[in-house]
Amino acid sequence: MSSPAPSIVVLTPVKNEAWILDRFLAVCSQFADRILLADQQSTDGSREIAARWPKAEVIENPSSAFNEAERQKLLIQAARDRVPGPRILLALDADEIPTADSITGPDWQAFLQAAPGTVLMLEKIDLLPAAGECLRYDEPFPYGYVDDGAAHQPRWIHSYRVPVRPESPRLKPSGIKLLHYAYVRPRAQRLKMCMYATIENRRGPLRLKSILSRRLNYGRKKDWLALGRPEKSDPAWFHGWEERGIALGPLPDGDEVWQAWASLQAMAEAGERRFWCEDIWDIDWERLRRRGTALGVPGLPDHSIRRPPRLLNWALDGD
């Protein structure tokens, strides 16, 4: 008797992802058996969007803190509790969408037939603002796992999303690719980098080495485009989904995003002076504070944001 086909379980953290969640769920519903969304107190209608999709289930993430390890363990355990094996765990953010040609080729069948314990290494393609151009990379990332019950040992930030052990076999199916929509919205992406800087700032004592490292990793001068190969986007990545009525074009940018509020909440808790050495001051935080206050965002500073002295910025990077 042949073994049953594995269930594909998509694992996705959600916090105010209404800007793309409907698109994400429309695509994932075409190939996934279950879609588990760990919602972290969304207030933008994300939960209502999820309720429209039969394969989607919202899992409560009650934490108020940013912690990738907690939410990854939450999602993996939820999949193991809800979906009997065999199962494939596919850990995707809401702005990561498989290309339309991914599920039609032989690599997809190899993906479904991989042995338990196999790590699925997939290419992520960064779409640029018009979506007609993109960045490609040589190294794939571990997005999937043919679940054998192994413990996941993640980090609190920038963590692998599934169990990855040195002895785990790796499957690198070149025919399965993910479209990443973060750079389609450069303003929102910049605010995400600022959030990373502020939350890492809060994790330990302020040291010059760590400050310079954050400025290098998240600063406005980092040339993200230089990290990949610019190419034209392949129409085949989109066409199959668009034939099914799923639009995959550009999305509107904006700065009223939860990452902006998270940075301002950090300033309210620790005082903005703690962050004066971070490379985040190309953002008009006072304007965002006033806008967030008008929208009723909780936990924002109750006073005008004081910017760092210009001499400090000059000392750190010469401008």
C-alpha atoms as a PDB file:
ATOM      1  CA  MET A   1       0.000   0.000   0.000  1.00  0.00           C
ATOM      2  CA  SER A   2       1.371   3.403  -0.964  1.00  0.00           C
ATOM      3  CA  SER A   3       1.884   6.061   1.686  1.00  0.00           C
ATOM      4  CA  PRO A   4      -0.685   8.859   1.871  1.00  0.00           C
ATOM      5  CA  ALA A   5       0.248  12.166   0.256  1.00  0.00           C
ATOM      6  CA  PRO A   6       1.503  14.698   2.794  1.00  0.00           C
ATOM      7  CA  SER A   7      -0.668  17.612   3.813  1.00  0.00           C
ATOM      8  CA  ILE A   8       0.845  21.015   3.022  1.00  0.00           C
ATOM      9  CA  VAL A   9       0.469  23.299   6.023  1.00  0.00           C
ATOM     10  CA  VAL A  10       1.347  26.957   5.490  1.00  0.00           C
ATOM     11  CA  LEU A  11       2.547  28.700   8.670  1.00  0.00           C
ATOM     12  CA  THR A  12       2.327  32.489   8.650  1.00  0.00           C
ATOM     13  CA  PRO A  13       2.707  35.163  11.338  1.00  0.00           C
ATOM     14  CA  VAL A  14       0.264  38.036  10.930  1.00  0.00           C
ATOM     15  CA  LYS A  15       0.232  41.536  12.373  1.00  0.00           C
ATOM     16  CA  ASN A  16      -1.778  44.072  10.393  1.00  0.00           C
ATOM     17  CA  GLU A  17      -1.204  42.447   7.001  1.00  0.00           C
ATOM     18  CA  ALA A  18      -4.463  43.541   5.355  1.00  0.00           C
ATOM     19  CA  TRP A  19      -2.465  45.267   2.599  1.00  0.00           C
ATOM     20  CA  ILE A  20      -1.554  41.862   1.091  1.00  0.00           C
ATOM     21  CA  LEU A  21      -3.292  39.128   3.101  1.00  0.00           C
ATOM     22  CA  ASP A  22      -6.213  38.564   0.717  1.00  0.00           C
ATOM     23  CA  ARG A  23      -3.765  38.067  -2.174  1.00  0.00           C
ATOM     24  CA  PHE A  24      -1.609  35.730  -0.088  1.00  0.00           C
ATOM     25  CA  LEU A  25      -4.541  33.581   1.005  1.00  0.00           C
ATOM     26  CA  ALA A  26      -5.957  33.436  -2.534  1.00  0.00           C
ATOM     27  CA  VAL A  27      -2.663  31.968  -3.785  1.00  0.00           C
ATOM     28  CA  CYS A  28      -1.985  29.632  -0.860  1.00  0.00           C
ATOM     29  CA  SER A  29      -5.528  28.266  -1.015  1.00  0.00           C
ATOM     30  CA  GLN A  30      -4.679  26.883  -4.469  1.00  0.00           C
ATOM     31  CA  PHE A  31      -2.096  24.395  -3.137  1.00  0.00           C
ATOM     32  CA  ALA A  32      -2.208  24.235   0.683  1.00  0.00           C
ATOM     33  CA  ASP A  33      -4.378  21.897   2.735  1.00  0.00           C
ATOM     34  CA  ARG A  34      -4.295  24.202   5.788  1.00  0.00           C
ATOM     35  CA  ILE A  35      -3.139  27.766   6.366  1.00  0.00           C
ATOM     36  CA  LEU A  36      -2.404  28.635   9.989  1.00  0.00           C
ATOM     37  CA  LEU A  37      -2.092  32.341  10.805  1.00  0.00           C
ATOM     38  CA  ALA A  38      -0.573  33.361  14.134  1.00  0.00           C
ATOM     39  CA  ASP A  39      -2.275  36.722  14.570  1.00  0.00           C
ATOM     40  CA  GLN A  40      -0.599  39.184  16.923  1.00  0.00           C
ATOM     41  CA  GLN A  41      -3.423  41.555  17.839  1.00  0.00           C
ATOM     42  CA  SER A  42      -4.165  42.874  14.337  1.00  0.00           C
ATOM     43  CA  THR A  43      -6.426  45.923  14.188  1.00  0.00           C
ATOM     44  CA  ASP A  44      -6.632  46.488  10.422  1.00  0.00           C
ATOM     45  CA  GLY A  45      -9.136  43.842   9.352  1.00  0.00           C
ATOM     46  CA  SER A  46      -6.628  41.009   8.879  1.00  0.00           C
ATOM     47  CA  ARG A  47      -8.724  38.643  10.984  1.00  0.00           C
ATOM     48  CA  GLU A  48     -11.859  39.439   8.990  1.00  0.00           C
ATOM     49  CA  ILE A  49      -9.978  38.751   5.749  1.00  0.00           C
ATOM     50  CA  ALA A  50      -8.784  35.393   7.090  1.00  0.00           C
ATOM     51  CA  ALA A  51     -12.347  34.435   8.004  1.00  0.00           C
ATOM     52  CA  ARG A  52     -13.323  34.564   4.323  1.00  0.00           C
ATOM     53  CA  TRP A  53     -10.948  31.747   3.385  1.00  0.00           C
ATOM     54  CA  PRO A  54     -12.053  28.212   4.393  1.00  0.00           C
ATOM     55  CA  LYS A  55      -8.527  26.786   4.602  1.00  0.00           C
ATOM     56  CA  ALA A  56      -7.292  29.574   6.881  1.00  0.00           C
ATOM     57  CA  GLU A  57      -7.377  29.346  10.659  1.00  0.00           C
ATOM     58  CA  VAL A  58      -6.315  32.101  13.028  1.00  0.00           C
ATOM     59  CA  ILE A  59      -4.132  31.070  15.965  1.00  0.00           C
ATOM     60  CA  GLU A  60      -3.918  33.605  18.785  1.00  0.00           C
ATOM     61  CA  ASN A  61      -0.498  35.101  19.435  1.00  0.00           C
ATOM     62  CA  PRO A  62      -1.137  37.056  22.655  1.00  0.00           C
ATOM     63  CA  SER A  63       2.414  38.418  22.996  1.00  0.00           C
ATOM     64  CA  SER A  64       2.924  42.153  22.714  1.00  0.00           C
ATOM     65  CA  ALA A  65       6.651  41.745  21.980  1.00  0.00           C
ATOM     66  CA  PHE A  66       8.473  41.031  18.746  1.00  0.00           C
ATOM     67  CA  ASN A  67       9.811  37.478  19.077  1.00  0.00           C
ATOM     68  CA  GLU A  68      10.250  35.250  16.048  1.00  0.00           C
ATOM     69  CA  ALA A  69      11.117  32.220  18.190  1.00  0.00           C
ATOM     70  CA  GLU A  70       7.834  32.349  20.122  1.00  0.00           C
ATOM     71  CA  ARG A  71       5.635  32.688  17.070  1.00  0.00           C
ATOM     72  CA  GLN A  72       7.484  30.011  15.085  1.00  0.00           C
ATOM     73  CA  LYS A  73       7.142  27.496  17.911  1.00  0.00           C
ATOM     74  CA  LEU A  74       3.481  28.459  18.278  1.00  0.00           C
ATOM     75  CA  LEU A  75       2.783  27.800  14.591  1.00  0.00           C
ATOM     76  CA  ILE A  76       4.731  24.540  14.378  1.00  0.00           C
ATOM     77  CA  GLN A  77       3.020  23.142  17.458  1.00  0.00           C
ATOM     78  CA  ALA A  78      -0.388  24.218  16.134  1.00  0.00           C
ATOM     79  CA  ALA A  79       0.297  22.357  12.867  1.00  0.00           C
ATOM     80  CA  ARG A  80       1.305  19.219  14.740  1.00  0.00           C
ATOM     81  CA  ASP A  81      -1.756  19.414  16.962  1.00  0.00           C
ATOM     82  CA  ARG A  82      -4.239  20.040  14.150  1.00  0.00           C
ATOM     83  CA  VAL A  83      -2.965  18.207  11.081  1.00  0.00           C
ATOM     84  CA  PRO A  84      -2.164  14.490  11.237  1.00  0.00           C
ATOM     85  CA  GLY A  85       0.971  13.345   9.439  1.00  0.00           C
ATOM     86  CA  PRO A  86       2.486  13.055   7.021  1.00  0.00           C
ATOM     87  CA  ARG A  87       2.746  16.817   6.592  1.00  0.00           C
ATOM     88  CA  ILE A  88       4.978  19.423   5.030  1.00  0.00           C
ATOM     89  CA  LEU A  89       5.466  22.664   6.956  1.00  0.00           C
ATOM     90  CA  LEU A  90       5.838  25.662   4.653  1.00  0.00           C
ATOM     91  CA  ALA A  91       6.713  28.776   6.651  1.00  0.00           C
ATOM     92  CA  LEU A  92       5.873  31.900   4.652  1.00  0.00           C
ATOM     93  CA  ASP A  93       5.401  35.528   5.582  1.00  0.00           C
ATOM     94  CA  ALA A  94       2.284  37.143   4.158  1.00  0.00           C
ATOM     95  CA  ASP A  95       4.378  39.097   1.641  1.00  0.00           C
ATOM     96  CA  GLU A  96       5.966  35.908   0.211  1.00  0.00           C
ATOM     97  CA  ILE A  97       3.905  34.314  -2.555  1.00  0.00           C
ATOM     98  CA  PRO A  98       4.887  31.223  -4.588  1.00  0.00           C
ATOM     99  CA  THR A  99       5.189  31.855  -8.303  1.00  0.00           C
ATOM    100  CA  ALA A 100       2.395  30.498 -10.464  1.00  0.00           C
ATOM    101  CA  ASP A 101       4.726  28.108 -12.297  1.00  0.00           C
ATOM    102  CA  SER A 102       6.003  26.612  -9.032  1.00  0.00           C
ATOM    103  CA  ILE A 103       3.168  24.116  -8.600  1.00  0.00           C
ATOM    104  CA  THR A 104       3.045  22.818 -12.177  1.00  0.00           C
ATOM    105  CA  GLY A 105       6.530  21.349 -12.730  1.00  0.00           C
ATOM    106  CA  PRO A 106       8.399  18.198 -11.701  1.00  0.00           C
ATOM    107  CA  ASP A 107      10.108  19.965  -8.801  1.00  0.00           C
ATOM    108  CA  TRP A 108       6.740  20.271  -7.095  1.00  0.00           C
ATOM    109  CA  GLN A 109       6.324  16.498  -7.188  1.00  0.00           C
ATOM    110  CA  ALA A 110       9.828  16.041  -5.786  1.00  0.00           C
ATOM    111  CA  PHE A 111       8.863  18.496  -3.061  1.00  0.00           C
ATOM    112  CA  LEU A 112       5.809  16.372  -2.175  1.00  0.00           C
ATOM    113  CA  GLN A 113       7.792  13.123  -2.167  1.00  0.00           C
ATOM    114  CA  ALA A 114      10.771  14.260  -0.069  1.00  0.00           C
ATOM    115  CA  ALA A 115      11.693  12.109   2.915  1.00  0.00           C
ATOM    116  CA  PRO A 116      10.769  13.109   6.492  1.00  0.00           C
ATOM    117  CA  GLY A 117      13.357  15.419   7.994  1.00  0.00           C
ATOM    118  CA  THR A 118      14.144  17.077   4.658  1.00  0.00           C
ATOM    119  CA  VAL A 119      14.660  20.849   4.679  1.00  0.00           C
ATOM    120  CA  LEU A 120      13.195  22.604   1.635  1.00  0.00           C
ATOM    121  CA  MET A 121      15.495  25.367   0.400  1.00  0.00           C
ATOM    122  CA  LEU A 122      13.669  27.854  -1.832  1.00  0.00           C
ATOM    123  CA  GLU A 123      14.703  30.921  -3.795  1.00  0.00           C
ATOM    124  CA  LYS A 124      13.161  34.216  -2.723  1.00  0.00           C
ATOM    125  CA  ILE A 125      12.849  36.823  -5.475  1.00  0.00           C
ATOM    126  CA  ASP A 126      12.630  40.436  -4.330  1.00  0.00           C
ATOM    127  CA  LEU A 127      10.213  42.309  -6.540  1.00  0.00           C
ATOM    128  CA  LEU A 128      11.019  45.982  -7.089  1.00  0.00           C
ATOM    129  CA  PRO A 129       8.389  48.759  -6.939  1.00  0.00           C
ATOM    130  CA  ALA A 130       6.931  48.322 -10.431  1.00  0.00           C
ATOM    131  CA  ALA A 131       6.972  44.479 -10.032  1.00  0.00           C
ATOM    132  CA  GLY A 132       8.291  44.240 -13.597  1.00  0.00           C
ATOM    133  CA  GLU A 133      11.842  44.082 -12.251  1.00  0.00           C
ATOM    134  CA  CYS A 134      13.352  42.070  -9.434  1.00  0.00           C
ATOM    135  CA  LEU A 135      16.456  41.001  -7.559  1.00  0.00           C
ATOM    136  CA  ARG A 136      17.678  37.396  -7.727  1.00  0.00           C
ATOM    137  CA  TYR A 137      20.039  35.659  -5.296  1.00  0.00           C
ATOM    138  CA  ASP A 138      22.294  32.622  -5.465  1.00  0.00           C
ATOM    139  CA  GLU A 139      21.565  31.156  -2.028  1.00  0.00           C
ATOM    140  CA  PRO A 140      18.145  29.665  -1.216  1.00  0.00           C
ATOM    141  CA  PHE A 141      16.608  29.882   2.266  1.00  0.00           C
ATOM    142  CA  PRO A 142      15.015  27.127   4.398  1.00  0.00           C
ATOM    143  CA  TYR A 143      11.286  27.776   4.065  1.00  0.00           C
ATOM    144  CA  GLY A 144       9.921  24.253   4.337  1.00  0.00           C
ATOM    145  CA  TYR A 145      10.289  21.062   6.316  1.00  0.00           C
ATOM    146  CA  VAL A 146       8.990  17.549   5.768  1.00  0.00           C
ATOM    147  CA  ASP A 147       7.903  17.150   9.343  1.00  0.00           C
ATOM    148  CA  ASP A 148       9.372  14.358  11.436  1.00  0.00           C
ATOM    149  CA  GLY A 149       8.568  15.959  14.789  1.00  0.00           C
ATOM    150  CA  ALA A 150      12.057  17.350  15.393  1.00  0.00           C
ATOM    151  CA  ALA A 151      12.391  20.182  17.896  1.00  0.00           C
ATOM    152  CA  HIS A 152      12.744  23.676  16.493  1.00  0.00           C
ATOM    153  CA  GLN A 153      15.494  25.799  18.047  1.00  0.00           C
ATOM    154  CA  PRO A 154      14.980  29.337  16.713  1.00  0.00           C
ATOM    155  CA  ARG A 155      16.475  32.715  17.554  1.00  0.00           C
ATOM    156  CA  TRP A 156      14.355  35.671  18.648  1.00  0.00           C
ATOM    157  CA  ILE A 157      15.111  37.596  15.413  1.00  0.00           C
ATOM    158  CA  HIS A 158      16.235  36.704  11.869  1.00  0.00           C
ATOM    159  CA  SER A 159      15.712  33.034  12.628  1.00  0.00           C
ATOM    160  CA  TYR A 160      15.279  29.982  10.451  1.00  0.00           C
ATOM    161  CA  ARG A 161      11.542  29.322  10.505  1.00  0.00           C
ATOM    162  CA  VAL A 162      11.606  25.516  10.524  1.00  0.00           C
ATOM    163  CA  PRO A 163      13.826  22.883  12.171  1.00  0.00           C
ATOM    164  CA  VAL A 164      17.253  22.886  10.513  1.00  0.00           C
ATOM    165  CA  ARG A 165      19.861  20.416  11.756  1.00  0.00           C
ATOM    166  CA  PRO A 166      23.369  19.864  10.370  1.00  0.00           C
ATOM    167  CA  GLU A 167      22.472  16.314   9.355  1.00  0.00           C
ATOM    168  CA  SER A 168      19.168  17.254   7.693  1.00  0.00           C
ATOM    169  CA  PRO A 169      19.013  16.486   3.961  1.00  0.00           C
ATOM    170  CA  ARG A 170      18.420  19.599   1.841  1.00  0.00           C
ATOM    171  CA  LEU A 171      16.193  19.746  -1.203  1.00  0.00           C
ATOM    172  CA  LYS A 172      16.828  22.738  -3.480  1.00  0.00           C
ATOM    173  CA  PRO A 173      14.087  22.684  -6.136  1.00  0.00           C
ATOM    174  CA  SER A 174      15.012  25.420  -8.593  1.00  0.00           C
ATOM    175  CA  GLY A 175      11.525  25.289 -10.082  1.00  0.00           C
ATOM    176  CA  ILE A 176       9.849  26.473  -6.872  1.00  0.00           C
ATOM    177  CA  LYS A 177      10.294  30.179  -6.167  1.00  0.00           C
ATOM    178  CA  LEU A 178       8.772  32.820  -3.926  1.00  0.00           C
ATOM    179  CA  LEU A 179       7.865  36.385  -4.870  1.00  0.00           C
ATOM    180  CA  HIS A 180       8.736  38.786  -2.049  1.00  0.00           C
ATOM    181  CA  TYR A 181       6.709  42.000  -2.003  1.00  0.00           C
ATOM    182  CA  ALA A 182       8.594  43.951   0.689  1.00  0.00           C
ATOM    183  CA  TYR A 183      10.559  46.148  -1.739  1.00  0.00           C
ATOM    184  CA  VAL A 184       7.401  46.899  -3.719  1.00  0.00           C
ATOM    185  CA  ARG A 185       6.713  49.313  -0.823  1.00  0.00           C
ATOM    186  CA  PRO A 186      10.051  51.072  -0.151  1.00  0.00           C
ATOM    187  CA  ARG A 187       8.642  53.497   2.421  1.00  0.00           C
ATOM    188  CA  ALA A 188       7.123  50.720   4.504  1.00  0.00           C
ATOM    189  CA  GLN A 189      10.287  48.639   4.108  1.00  0.00           C
ATOM    190  CA  ARG A 190      12.415  51.505   5.423  1.00  0.00           C
ATOM    191  CA  LEU A 191      10.212  51.716   8.514  1.00  0.00           C
ATOM    192  CA  LYS A 192      10.630  47.973   9.015  1.00  0.00           C
ATOM    193  CA  MET A 193      14.410  48.429   9.100  1.00  0.00           C
ATOM    194  CA  CYS A 194      13.984  51.242  11.639  1.00  0.00           C
ATOM    195  CA  MET A 195      11.883  48.921  13.786  1.00  0.00           C
ATOM    196  CA  TYR A 196      14.604  46.262  13.710  1.00  0.00           C
ATOM    197  CA  ALA A 197      17.103  48.868  14.886  1.00  0.00           C
ATOM    198  CA  THR A 198      14.909  50.024  17.783  1.00  0.00           C
ATOM    199  CA  ILE A 199      13.981  46.558  19.042  1.00  0.00           C
ATOM    200  CA  GLU A 200      17.573  45.319  18.878  1.00  0.00           C
ATOM    201  CA  ASN A 201      18.619  48.492  20.711  1.00  0.00           C
ATOM    202  CA  ARG A 202      16.331  47.488  23.602  1.00  0.00           C
ATOM    203  CA  ARG A 203      17.749  43.958  23.946  1.00  0.00           C
ATOM    204  CA  GLY A 204      20.976  44.904  25.691  1.00  0.00           C
ATOM    205  CA  PRO A 205      23.306  47.639  26.877  1.00  0.00           C
ATOM    206  CA  LEU A 206      24.301  50.365  24.441  1.00  0.00           C
ATOM    207  CA  ARG A 207      27.748  49.699  23.049  1.00  0.00           C
ATOM    208  CA  LEU A 208      29.497  51.429  20.170  1.00  0.00           C
ATOM    209  CA  LYS A 209      30.118  48.110  18.393  1.00  0.00           C
ATOM    210  CA  SER A 210      26.448  47.134  18.429  1.00  0.00           C
ATOM    211  CA  ILE A 211      25.339  50.627  17.407  1.00  0.00           C
ATOM    212  CA  LEU A 212      27.679  50.615  14.426  1.00  0.00           C
ATOM    213  CA  SER A 213      26.543  47.110  13.504  1.00  0.00           C
ATOM    214  CA  ARG A 214      22.891  48.195  13.471  1.00  0.00           C
ATOM    215  CA  ARG A 215      23.712  51.274  11.440  1.00  0.00           C
ATOM    216  CA  LEU A 216      25.492  49.038   8.940  1.00  0.00           C
ATOM    217  CA  ASN A 217      22.685  46.465   8.782  1.00  0.00           C
ATOM    218  CA  TYR A 218      19.615  48.708   8.901  1.00  0.00           C
ATOM    219  CA  GLY A 219      20.838  52.176   8.005  1.00  0.00           C
ATOM    220  CA  ARG A 220      19.566  54.305   5.162  1.00  0.00           C
ATOM    221  CA  LYS A 221      22.912  54.113   3.356  1.00  0.00           C
ATOM    222  CA  LYS A 222      22.860  50.348   2.976  1.00  0.00           C
ATOM    223  CA  ASP A 223      22.497  49.498  -0.703  1.00  0.00           C
ATOM    224  CA  TRP A 224      20.019  46.632  -0.595  1.00  0.00           C
ATOM    225  CA  LEU A 225      19.870  46.524  -4.391  1.00  0.00           C
ATOM    226  CA  ALA A 226      23.568  45.677  -4.565  1.00  0.00           C
ATOM    227  CA  LEU A 227      22.956  42.412  -2.706  1.00  0.00           C
ATOM    228  CA  GLY A 228      21.142  40.780  -5.624  1.00  0.00           C
ATOM    229  CA  ARG A 229      21.188  40.519  -9.413  1.00  0.00           C
ATOM    230  CA  PRO A 230      18.731  42.892 -11.119  1.00  0.00           C
ATOM    231  CA  GLU A 231      16.610  41.124 -13.723  1.00  0.00           C
ATOM    232  CA  LYS A 232      13.316  41.476 -15.514  1.00  0.00           C
ATOM    233  CA  SER A 233      10.463  39.634 -13.825  1.00  0.00           C
ATOM    234  CA  ASP A 234       9.290  36.521 -15.672  1.00  0.00           C
ATOM    235  CA  PRO A 235       5.611  36.796 -16.742  1.00  0.00           C
ATOM    236  CA  ALA A 236       5.219  33.071 -15.989  1.00  0.00           C
ATOM    237  CA  TRP A 237       5.596  33.861 -12.286  1.00  0.00           C
ATOM    238  CA  PHE A 238       2.319  35.799 -12.361  1.00  0.00           C
ATOM    239  CA  HIS A 239       0.311  34.527 -15.324  1.00  0.00           C
ATOM    240  CA  GLY A 240      -1.155  31.365 -13.841  1.00  0.00           C
ATOM    241  CA  TRP A 241      -2.467  33.177 -10.770  1.00  0.00           C
ATOM    242  CA  GLU A 242      -3.846  36.052 -12.819  1.00  0.00           C
ATOM    243  CA  GLU A 243      -5.700  33.524 -14.992  1.00  0.00           C
ATOM    244  CA  ARG A 244      -7.473  32.458 -11.790  1.00  0.00           C
ATOM    245  CA  GLY A 245      -8.415  36.052 -11.007  1.00  0.00           C
ATOM    246  CA  ILE A 246      -5.632  36.753  -8.513  1.00  0.00           C
ATOM    247  CA  ALA A 247      -3.961  40.106  -9.202  1.00  0.00           C
ATOM    248  CA  LEU A 248      -0.241  40.183  -8.383  1.00  0.00           C
ATOM    249  CA  GLY A 249       0.805  43.655  -9.506  1.00  0.00           C
ATOM    250  CA  PRO A 250       2.208  46.587  -7.506  1.00  0.00           C
ATOM    251  CA  LEU A 251       0.728  47.649  -4.180  1.00  0.00           C
ATOM    252  CA  PRO A 252       0.378  51.149  -2.689  1.00  0.00           C
ATOM    253  CA  ASP A 253       3.156  52.267  -0.355  1.00  0.00           C
ATOM    254  CA  GLY A 254       2.598  54.001   2.958  1.00  0.00           C
ATOM    255  CA  ASP A 255       4.071  54.861   6.316  1.00  0.00           C
ATOM    256  CA  GLU A 256       1.070  54.203   8.576  1.00  0.00           C
ATOM    257  CA  VAL A 257       2.302  50.703   9.303  1.00  0.00           C
ATOM    258  CA  TRP A 258       2.597  48.797  12.546  1.00  0.00           C
ATOM    259  CA  GLN A 259       6.386  48.862  12.353  1.00  0.00           C
ATOM    260  CA  ALA A 260       6.287  52.670  12.625  1.00  0.00           C
ATOM    261  CA  TRP A 261       4.081  52.481  15.702  1.00  0.00           C
ATOM    262  CA  ALA A 262       6.406  49.821  17.218  1.00  0.00           C
ATOM    263  CA  SER A 263       9.388  52.178  16.941  1.00  0.00           C
ATOM    264  CA  LEU A 264       7.421  55.031  18.486  1.00  0.00           C
ATOM    265  CA  GLN A 265       6.211  52.761  21.305  1.00  0.00           C
ATOM    266  CA  ALA A 266       9.845  51.889  22.016  1.00  0.00           C
ATOM    267  CA  MET A 267      10.583  55.622  22.240  1.00  0.00           C
ATOM    268  CA  ALA A 268       7.686  56.063  24.654  1.00  0.00           C
ATOM    269  CA  GLU A 269       9.028  53.295  26.887  1.00  0.00           C
ATOM    270  CA  ALA A 270      12.740  54.149  26.826  1.00  0.00           C
ATOM    271  CA  GLY A 271      12.805  57.773  25.714  1.00  0.00           C
ATOM    272  CA  GLU A 272      13.870  58.871  22.259  1.00  0.00           C
ATOM    273  CA  ARG A 273      17.368  59.823  23.440  1.00  0.00           C
ATOM    274  CA  ARG A 274      18.200  56.121  23.761  1.00  0.00           C
ATOM    275  CA  PHE A 275      17.843  55.876  19.977  1.00  0.00           C
ATOM    276  CA  TRP A 276      19.702  59.021  18.971  1.00  0.00           C
ATOM    277  CA  CYS A 277      22.686  56.985  17.726  1.00  0.00           C
ATOM    278  CA  GLU A 278      20.532  54.734  15.543  1.00  0.00           C
ATOM    279  CA  ASP A 279      20.273  55.503  11.838  1.00  0.00           C
ATOM    280  CA  ILE A 280      16.515  56.100  11.917  1.00  0.00           C
ATOM    281  CA  TRP A 281      16.306  59.873  11.816  1.00  0.00           C
ATOM    282  CA  ASP A 282      15.589  60.237   8.120  1.00  0.00           C
ATOM    283  CA  ILE A 283      12.013  59.543   9.286  1.00  0.00           C
ATOM    284  CA  ASP A 284       9.796  62.373  10.546  1.00  0.00           C
ATOM    285  CA  TRP A 285       8.832  60.616  13.769  1.00  0.00           C
ATOM    286  CA  GLU A 286       6.987  63.631  15.153  1.00  0.00           C
ATOM    287  CA  ARG A 287       4.653  63.689  12.138  1.00  0.00           C
ATOM    288  CA  LEU A 288       4.034  59.963  12.540  1.00  0.00           C
ATOM    289  CA  ARG A 289       3.486  60.384  16.284  1.00  0.00           C
ATOM    290  CA  ARG A 290       0.797  63.000  15.652  1.00  0.00           C
ATOM    291  CA  ARG A 291      -0.815  60.835  12.977  1.00  0.00           C
ATOM    292  CA  GLY A 292      -0.754  57.725  15.156  1.00  0.00           C
ATOM    293  CA  THR A 293      -2.227  59.637  18.076  1.00  0.00           C
ATOM    294  CA  ALA A 294      -5.063  60.856  15.838  1.00  0.00           C
ATOM    295  CA  LEU A 295      -5.708  57.252  14.776  1.00  0.00           C
ATOM    296  CA  GLY A 296      -5.842  56.099  18.381  1.00  0.00           C
ATOM    297  CA  VAL A 297      -2.703  53.953  18.277  1.00  0.00           C
ATOM    298  CA  PRO A 298      -1.911  53.058  21.902  1.00  0.00           C
ATOM    299  CA  GLY A 299       1.386  53.518  23.677  1.00  0.00           C
ATOM    300  CA  LEU A 300       2.835  56.383  21.631  1.00  0.00           C
ATOM    301  CA  PRO A 301       4.870  59.206  23.219  1.00  0.00           C
ATOM    302  CA  ASP A 302       2.743  61.965  24.741  1.00  0.00           C
ATOM    303  CA  HIS A 303       5.268  64.663  23.886  1.00  0.00           C
ATOM    304  CA  SER A 304       6.962  65.953  20.746  1.00  0.00           C
ATOM    305  CA  ILE A 305       9.809  63.777  19.519  1.00  0.00           C
ATOM    306  CA  ARG A 306      13.213  65.363  20.064  1.00  0.00           C
ATOM    307  CA  ARG A 307      15.634  64.718  17.247  1.00  0.00           C
ATOM    308  CA  PRO A 308      19.365  64.067  17.886  1.00  0.00           C
ATOM    309  CA  PRO A 309      21.846  66.941  17.542  1.00  0.00           C
ATOM    310  CA  ARG A 310      23.203  67.232  14.018  1.00  0.00           C
ATOM    311  CA  LEU A 311      26.731  66.997  15.387  1.00  0.00           C
ATOM    312  CA  LEU A 312      25.985  63.483  16.634  1.00  0.00           C
ATOM    313  CA  ASN A 313      24.915  62.252  13.219  1.00  0.00           C
ATOM    314  CA  TRP A 314      27.939  63.916  11.656  1.00  0.00           C
ATOM    315  CA  ALA A 315      30.225  62.183  14.140  1.00  0.00           C
ATOM    316  CA  LEU A 316      28.720  58.779  13.344  1.00  0.00           C
ATOM    317  CA  ASP A 317      28.604  58.906   9.548  1.00  0.00           C
ATOM    318  CA  GLY A 318      29.720  62.306   8.345  1.00  0.00           C
ATOM    319  CA  ASP A 319      26.392  63.904   7.396  1.00  0.00           C
END
